[in-house]
């Protein structure tokens, strides 16, 4: 279990990011974007290790996302570009979910990493 003793920064969206220090004094960095959570530790020698990853966001329904964009007023030309982008991302992502989610908070971070990483209280 990784124990974080101090959080230096937490917040944002797309990505949500957390920076802190572990009990051993190493830097810890968490990032949630594209529906995926990644946590890294930077050791005293400067080497960085990914210590946790988890896909949290669900695979989007591309047609529903395009419909939402249309409803929000996006032009038909831009909608066609977005549809092509979704198609290209899927072609090169080898079956990985396509998710634009980047919103998280400390409670969701704690729940996602429960049993792996212990985070202290932090006032955002």
N, C-alpha and C. Protein backbone atom coordinates (compact mmCIF):
# COMPACT_ATOMS: atom_id res chain seq x y z
N UNK A 1 0.85 -1.19 0.00
CA UNK A 1 0.00 0.00 0.00
C UNK A 1 0.89 1.23 0.00
N UNK A 2 0.56 2.14 -0.89
CA UNK A 2 1.24 3.43 -0.95
C UNK A 2 0.48 4.40 -0.05
N UNK A 3 1.20 5.06 0.84
CA UNK A 3 0.57 6.03 1.74
C UNK A 3 1.07 7.42 1.37
N UNK A 4 0.12 8.29 1.04
CA UNK A 4 0.44 9.68 0.71
C UNK A 4 0.30 10.48 1.99
N UNK A 5 1.35 11.20 2.37
CA UNK A 5 1.31 11.97 3.62
C UNK A 5 0.88 13.41 3.41
N UNK A 6 1.09 13.93 2.16
CA UNK A 6 0.79 15.34 1.93
C UNK A 6 0.33 15.54 0.48
N UNK A 7 -0.72 16.31 0.32
CA UNK A 7 -1.17 16.71 -1.00
C UNK A 7 -0.82 18.18 -1.18
N UNK A 8 -0.07 18.46 -2.23
CA UNK A 8 0.37 19.82 -2.51
C UNK A 8 -0.64 20.56 -3.39
N UNK A 9 -1.29 19.81 -4.26
CA UNK A 9 -2.27 20.39 -5.18
C UNK A 9 -3.24 19.30 -5.60
N UNK A 10 -4.50 19.66 -5.72
CA UNK A 10 -5.50 18.74 -6.26
C UNK A 10 -6.58 19.58 -6.92
N UNK A 11 -6.96 19.20 -8.13
CA UNK A 11 -8.05 19.91 -8.76
C UNK A 11 -7.93 19.93 -10.27
N UNK A 12 -8.78 20.74 -10.84
CA UNK A 12 -8.82 20.88 -12.28
C UNK A 12 -9.79 19.90 -12.91
N UNK A 13 -9.90 20.02 -14.19
CA UNK A 13 -10.75 19.13 -14.97
C UNK A 13 -10.15 19.03 -16.37
N UNK A 14 -10.16 17.84 -16.88
CA UNK A 14 -9.64 17.55 -18.23
C UNK A 14 -8.22 18.01 -18.42
N UNK A 15 -7.28 17.68 -17.57
CA UNK A 15 -7.35 16.62 -16.59
C UNK A 15 -7.56 17.11 -15.15
N UNK A 16 -8.04 16.19 -14.32
CA UNK A 16 -8.00 16.35 -12.86
C UNK A 16 -6.61 15.85 -12.46
N UNK A 17 -5.91 16.64 -11.63
CA UNK A 17 -4.54 16.28 -11.25
C UNK A 17 -4.32 16.44 -9.75
N UNK A 18 -3.48 15.56 -9.22
CA UNK A 18 -3.09 15.63 -7.82
C UNK A 18 -1.58 15.49 -7.75
N UNK A 19 -0.95 16.36 -6.97
CA UNK A 19 0.48 16.28 -6.72
C UNK A 19 0.68 16.20 -5.22
N UNK A 20 1.60 15.34 -4.78
CA UNK A 20 1.85 15.21 -3.36
C UNK A 20 3.14 14.50 -3.06
N UNK A 21 3.26 14.10 -1.79
CA UNK A 21 4.44 13.39 -1.30
C UNK A 21 4.00 12.15 -0.54
N UNK A 22 4.74 11.06 -0.75
CA UNK A 22 4.46 9.82 -0.02
C UNK A 22 5.14 9.86 1.34
N UNK A 23 4.86 8.87 2.16
CA UNK A 23 5.53 8.75 3.47
C UNK A 23 7.04 8.65 3.31
N UNK A 24 7.50 8.09 2.19
CA UNK A 24 8.93 7.94 1.94
C UNK A 24 9.55 9.20 1.34
N UNK A 25 8.75 10.25 1.14
CA UNK A 25 9.25 11.51 0.62
C UNK A 25 9.32 11.57 -0.90
N UNK A 26 8.76 10.58 -1.57
CA UNK A 26 8.76 10.57 -3.02
C UNK A 26 7.60 11.40 -3.55
N UNK A 27 7.76 11.95 -4.75
CA UNK A 27 6.69 12.71 -5.38
C UNK A 27 5.67 11.75 -5.97
N UNK A 28 4.39 12.08 -5.77
CA UNK A 28 3.32 11.29 -6.36
C UNK A 28 2.45 12.22 -7.22
N UNK A 29 2.04 11.69 -8.35
CA UNK A 29 1.25 12.48 -9.29
C UNK A 29 0.12 11.60 -9.82
N UNK A 30 -1.10 12.08 -9.71
CA UNK A 30 -2.27 11.38 -10.24
C UNK A 30 -2.90 12.26 -11.31
N UNK A 31 -3.39 11.61 -12.37
CA UNK A 31 -4.00 12.34 -13.48
C UNK A 31 -5.18 11.53 -14.01
N UNK A 32 -6.32 12.22 -14.16
CA UNK A 32 -7.50 11.58 -14.74
C UNK A 32 -7.93 12.36 -15.97
N UNK A 33 -7.81 11.71 -17.11
CA UNK A 33 -8.23 12.30 -18.38
C UNK A 33 -8.53 11.18 -19.37
N UNK A 34 -9.42 11.47 -20.30
CA UNK A 34 -9.83 10.47 -21.31
C UNK A 34 -10.43 9.23 -20.64
N UNK A 35 -10.99 9.41 -19.42
CA UNK A 35 -11.62 8.29 -18.72
C UNK A 35 -10.64 7.36 -18.04
N UNK A 36 -9.36 7.71 -18.02
CA UNK A 36 -8.34 6.85 -17.47
C UNK A 36 -7.59 7.55 -16.33
N UNK A 37 -7.44 6.81 -15.24
CA UNK A 37 -6.69 7.31 -14.08
C UNK A 37 -5.30 6.69 -14.10
N UNK A 38 -4.28 7.53 -13.93
CA UNK A 38 -2.89 7.07 -13.86
C UNK A 38 -2.23 7.72 -12.66
N UNK A 39 -1.49 6.93 -11.89
CA UNK A 39 -0.75 7.45 -10.75
C UNK A 39 0.72 7.08 -10.93
N UNK A 40 1.59 8.08 -10.79
CA UNK A 40 3.03 7.89 -10.94
C UNK A 40 3.75 8.31 -9.67
N UNK A 41 4.87 7.67 -9.42
CA UNK A 41 5.77 8.08 -8.34
C UNK A 41 7.11 8.41 -8.96
N UNK A 42 7.68 9.56 -8.56
CA UNK A 42 9.03 9.93 -8.96
C UNK A 42 9.93 9.69 -7.76
N UNK A 43 10.90 8.81 -7.97
CA UNK A 43 11.83 8.44 -6.89
C UNK A 43 12.92 9.50 -6.73
N UNK A 44 13.64 9.40 -5.64
CA UNK A 44 14.69 10.39 -5.35
C UNK A 44 15.74 10.45 -6.46
N UNK A 45 15.97 9.33 -7.16
CA UNK A 45 16.96 9.31 -8.24
C UNK A 45 16.41 9.87 -9.56
N UNK A 46 15.14 10.35 -9.53
CA UNK A 46 14.53 10.94 -10.71
C UNK A 46 13.76 9.97 -11.59
N UNK A 47 13.90 8.68 -11.31
CA UNK A 47 13.15 7.69 -12.09
C UNK A 47 11.67 7.75 -11.74
N UNK A 48 10.85 7.57 -12.76
CA UNK A 48 9.40 7.65 -12.58
C UNK A 48 8.79 6.29 -12.89
N UNK A 49 7.89 5.85 -12.02
CA UNK A 49 7.18 4.59 -12.21
C UNK A 49 5.68 4.83 -12.18
N UNK A 50 4.98 4.21 -13.11
CA UNK A 50 3.52 4.20 -13.05
C UNK A 50 3.14 3.10 -12.06
N UNK A 51 2.45 3.49 -10.98
CA UNK A 51 2.13 2.54 -9.92
C UNK A 51 0.66 2.13 -9.92
N UNK A 52 -0.17 2.82 -10.73
CA UNK A 52 -1.59 2.50 -10.75
C UNK A 52 -2.20 3.05 -12.02
N UNK A 53 -2.99 2.24 -12.71
CA UNK A 53 -3.78 2.71 -13.83
C UNK A 53 -5.14 2.02 -13.77
N UNK A 54 -6.15 2.74 -14.20
CA UNK A 54 -7.49 2.16 -14.21
C UNK A 54 -8.36 2.94 -15.19
N UNK A 55 -9.05 2.20 -16.04
CA UNK A 55 -10.04 2.80 -16.92
C UNK A 55 -11.32 2.97 -16.11
N UNK A 56 -11.77 4.20 -15.96
CA UNK A 56 -12.96 4.48 -15.15
C UNK A 56 -14.12 4.90 -16.04
N UNK A 57 -13.84 5.76 -16.99
CA UNK A 57 -14.88 6.24 -17.89
C UNK A 57 -15.35 5.16 -18.84
N UNK A 58 -16.63 5.18 -19.14
CA UNK A 58 -17.21 4.20 -20.06
C UNK A 58 -16.95 4.59 -21.50
N UNK A 59 -16.94 3.59 -22.36
CA UNK A 59 -16.82 3.83 -23.79
C UNK A 59 -18.03 4.64 -24.25
N UNK A 60 -17.76 5.71 -24.97
CA UNK A 60 -18.85 6.57 -25.42
C UNK A 60 -19.57 5.96 -26.62
N UNK A 61 -20.79 6.38 -26.80
CA UNK A 61 -21.53 6.08 -28.02
C UNK A 61 -21.30 7.28 -28.94
N UNK A 62 -20.55 7.05 -30.01
CA UNK A 62 -20.15 8.16 -30.87
C UNK A 62 -21.35 8.92 -31.44
N UNK A 63 -22.39 8.20 -31.85
CA UNK A 63 -23.58 8.86 -32.41
C UNK A 63 -24.25 9.75 -31.37
N UNK A 64 -24.31 9.29 -30.12
CA UNK A 64 -24.91 10.11 -29.06
C UNK A 64 -24.07 11.36 -28.80
N UNK A 65 -22.74 11.21 -28.83
CA UNK A 65 -21.87 12.37 -28.60
C UNK A 65 -22.03 13.39 -29.72
N UNK A 66 -22.12 12.93 -30.96
CA UNK A 66 -22.33 13.83 -32.09
C UNK A 66 -23.68 14.54 -31.95
N UNK A 67 -24.71 13.80 -31.52
CA UNK A 67 -26.03 14.40 -31.32
C UNK A 67 -25.98 15.49 -30.25
N UNK A 68 -25.24 15.26 -29.17
CA UNK A 68 -25.10 16.28 -28.12
C UNK A 68 -24.41 17.52 -28.67
N UNK A 69 -23.38 17.30 -29.48
CA UNK A 69 -22.65 18.42 -30.07
C UNK A 69 -23.54 19.21 -31.03
N UNK A 70 -24.35 18.49 -31.78
CA UNK A 70 -25.28 19.15 -32.72
C UNK A 70 -26.28 19.99 -31.92
N UNK A 71 -26.80 19.41 -30.84
CA UNK A 71 -27.77 20.11 -29.99
C UNK A 71 -27.14 21.36 -29.36
N UNK A 72 -25.84 21.30 -29.09
CA UNK A 72 -25.15 22.44 -28.50
C UNK A 72 -24.81 23.52 -29.53
N UNK A 73 -25.09 23.23 -30.80
CA UNK A 73 -24.92 24.25 -31.82
C UNK A 73 -23.67 24.12 -32.69
N UNK A 74 -22.99 23.00 -32.62
CA UNK A 74 -21.80 22.82 -33.45
C UNK A 74 -22.20 22.74 -34.93
N UNK A 75 -21.40 23.32 -35.79
CA UNK A 75 -21.70 23.33 -37.22
C UNK A 75 -21.61 21.92 -37.81
N UNK A 76 -22.31 21.73 -38.92
CA UNK A 76 -22.30 20.41 -39.58
C UNK A 76 -20.89 20.06 -40.06
N UNK A 77 -20.15 21.07 -40.51
CA UNK A 77 -18.77 20.82 -40.95
C UNK A 77 -17.92 20.31 -39.79
N UNK A 78 -18.05 20.98 -38.65
CA UNK A 78 -17.28 20.56 -37.46
C UNK A 78 -17.76 19.21 -36.96
N UNK A 79 -19.04 18.94 -37.01
CA UNK A 79 -19.57 17.63 -36.60
C UNK A 79 -18.98 16.52 -37.46
N UNK A 80 -18.87 16.76 -38.76
CA UNK A 80 -18.26 15.77 -39.66
C UNK A 80 -16.80 15.53 -39.29
N UNK A 81 -16.10 16.61 -38.92
CA UNK A 81 -14.70 16.48 -38.49
C UNK A 81 -14.61 15.66 -37.20
N UNK A 82 -15.53 15.91 -36.27
CA UNK A 82 -15.52 15.16 -35.01
C UNK A 82 -15.81 13.67 -35.26
N UNK A 83 -16.76 13.38 -36.13
CA UNK A 83 -17.08 11.99 -36.45
C UNK A 83 -15.85 11.29 -37.05
N UNK A 84 -15.15 12.00 -37.92
CA UNK A 84 -13.92 11.44 -38.52
C UNK A 84 -12.84 11.24 -37.45
N UNK A 85 -12.74 12.17 -36.51
CA UNK A 85 -11.78 12.04 -35.41
C UNK A 85 -12.09 10.81 -34.58
N UNK A 86 -13.36 10.63 -34.22
CA UNK A 86 -13.74 9.45 -33.44
C UNK A 86 -13.36 8.17 -34.19
N UNK A 87 -13.63 8.15 -35.48
CA UNK A 87 -13.32 6.99 -36.32
C UNK A 87 -11.81 6.71 -36.30
N UNK A 88 -11.01 7.75 -36.46
CA UNK A 88 -9.55 7.59 -36.48
C UNK A 88 -9.01 7.14 -35.13
N UNK A 89 -9.51 7.72 -34.06
CA UNK A 89 -9.06 7.31 -32.72
C UNK A 89 -9.37 5.84 -32.52
N UNK A 90 -10.55 5.42 -32.87
CA UNK A 90 -10.92 4.01 -32.70
C UNK A 90 -10.05 3.09 -33.56
N UNK A 91 -9.70 3.54 -34.75
CA UNK A 91 -8.87 2.72 -35.65
C UNK A 91 -7.48 2.48 -35.06
N UNK A 92 -6.99 3.43 -34.29
CA UNK A 92 -5.63 3.32 -33.77
C UNK A 92 -5.56 3.01 -32.27
N UNK A 93 -6.69 2.81 -31.62
CA UNK A 93 -6.67 2.60 -30.17
C UNK A 93 -6.81 1.13 -29.78
N UNK A 94 -6.84 0.25 -30.76
CA UNK A 94 -6.84 -1.20 -30.51
C UNK A 94 -7.88 -1.63 -29.49
N UNK A 95 -9.12 -1.22 -29.71
CA UNK A 95 -10.22 -1.68 -28.87
C UNK A 95 -10.34 -1.00 -27.52
N UNK A 96 -9.52 0.01 -27.26
CA UNK A 96 -9.63 0.73 -26.00
C UNK A 96 -10.86 1.61 -26.02
N UNK A 97 -11.47 1.84 -24.86
CA UNK A 97 -12.64 2.72 -24.82
C UNK A 97 -12.29 4.13 -25.24
N UNK A 98 -13.22 4.78 -25.86
CA UNK A 98 -13.08 6.19 -26.22
C UNK A 98 -13.96 6.96 -25.25
N UNK A 99 -13.33 7.78 -24.44
CA UNK A 99 -14.04 8.50 -23.40
C UNK A 99 -13.35 9.83 -23.18
N UNK A 100 -14.11 10.91 -23.23
CA UNK A 100 -13.53 12.24 -23.05
C UNK A 100 -13.62 12.73 -21.61
N UNK A 101 -14.04 11.87 -20.69
CA UNK A 101 -14.21 12.29 -19.30
C UNK A 101 -12.88 12.68 -18.67
N UNK A 102 -12.88 13.78 -17.95
CA UNK A 102 -11.70 14.23 -17.22
C UNK A 102 -12.08 14.91 -15.91
N UNK A 103 -13.29 14.62 -15.43
CA UNK A 103 -13.79 15.23 -14.20
C UNK A 103 -13.73 14.22 -13.06
N UNK A 104 -13.08 14.60 -11.98
CA UNK A 104 -12.93 13.75 -10.81
C UNK A 104 -12.78 14.65 -9.60
N UNK A 105 -12.91 14.09 -8.42
CA UNK A 105 -12.61 14.80 -7.19
C UNK A 105 -11.90 13.83 -6.26
N UNK A 106 -11.51 14.30 -5.10
CA UNK A 106 -10.74 13.47 -4.18
C UNK A 106 -11.53 12.25 -3.70
N UNK A 107 -12.83 12.39 -3.49
CA UNK A 107 -13.63 11.24 -3.06
C UNK A 107 -13.63 10.15 -4.12
N UNK A 108 -13.77 10.53 -5.40
CA UNK A 108 -13.74 9.55 -6.48
C UNK A 108 -12.35 8.94 -6.63
N UNK A 109 -11.31 9.75 -6.42
CA UNK A 109 -9.94 9.25 -6.48
C UNK A 109 -9.71 8.22 -5.38
N UNK A 110 -10.14 8.54 -4.17
CA UNK A 110 -9.99 7.58 -3.06
C UNK A 110 -10.71 6.26 -3.35
N UNK A 111 -11.92 6.37 -3.87
CA UNK A 111 -12.70 5.16 -4.17
C UNK A 111 -12.02 4.34 -5.26
N UNK A 112 -11.49 4.99 -6.28
CA UNK A 112 -10.87 4.28 -7.40
C UNK A 112 -9.58 3.58 -7.00
N UNK A 113 -8.86 4.14 -6.02
CA UNK A 113 -7.57 3.58 -5.62
C UNK A 113 -7.62 2.84 -4.29
N UNK A 114 -8.82 2.64 -3.77
CA UNK A 114 -8.99 1.99 -2.46
C UNK A 114 -8.24 0.66 -2.42
N UNK A 115 -7.51 0.47 -1.32
CA UNK A 115 -6.74 -0.75 -1.15
C UNK A 115 -5.36 -0.70 -1.78
N UNK A 116 -5.10 0.32 -2.60
CA UNK A 116 -3.81 0.46 -3.28
C UNK A 116 -3.05 1.70 -2.81
N UNK A 117 -3.81 2.81 -2.66
CA UNK A 117 -3.19 4.09 -2.29
C UNK A 117 -4.07 4.74 -1.24
N UNK A 118 -3.44 5.20 -0.17
CA UNK A 118 -4.16 5.91 0.90
C UNK A 118 -3.84 7.40 0.78
N UNK A 119 -4.90 8.20 0.60
CA UNK A 119 -4.75 9.65 0.42
C UNK A 119 -5.19 10.38 1.68
N UNK A 120 -4.48 11.44 2.08
CA UNK A 120 -4.91 12.22 3.25
C UNK A 120 -6.07 13.14 2.89
N UNK A 121 -6.65 13.75 3.89
CA UNK A 121 -7.71 14.73 3.66
C UNK A 121 -7.09 15.94 2.95
N UNK A 122 -7.90 16.57 2.12
CA UNK A 122 -7.44 17.75 1.39
C UNK A 122 -8.64 18.63 1.10
N UNK A 123 -8.49 19.91 1.38
CA UNK A 123 -9.53 20.88 1.07
C UNK A 123 -9.25 21.49 -0.29
N UNK A 124 -10.15 21.23 -1.24
CA UNK A 124 -9.97 21.77 -2.60
C UNK A 124 -10.38 23.22 -2.65
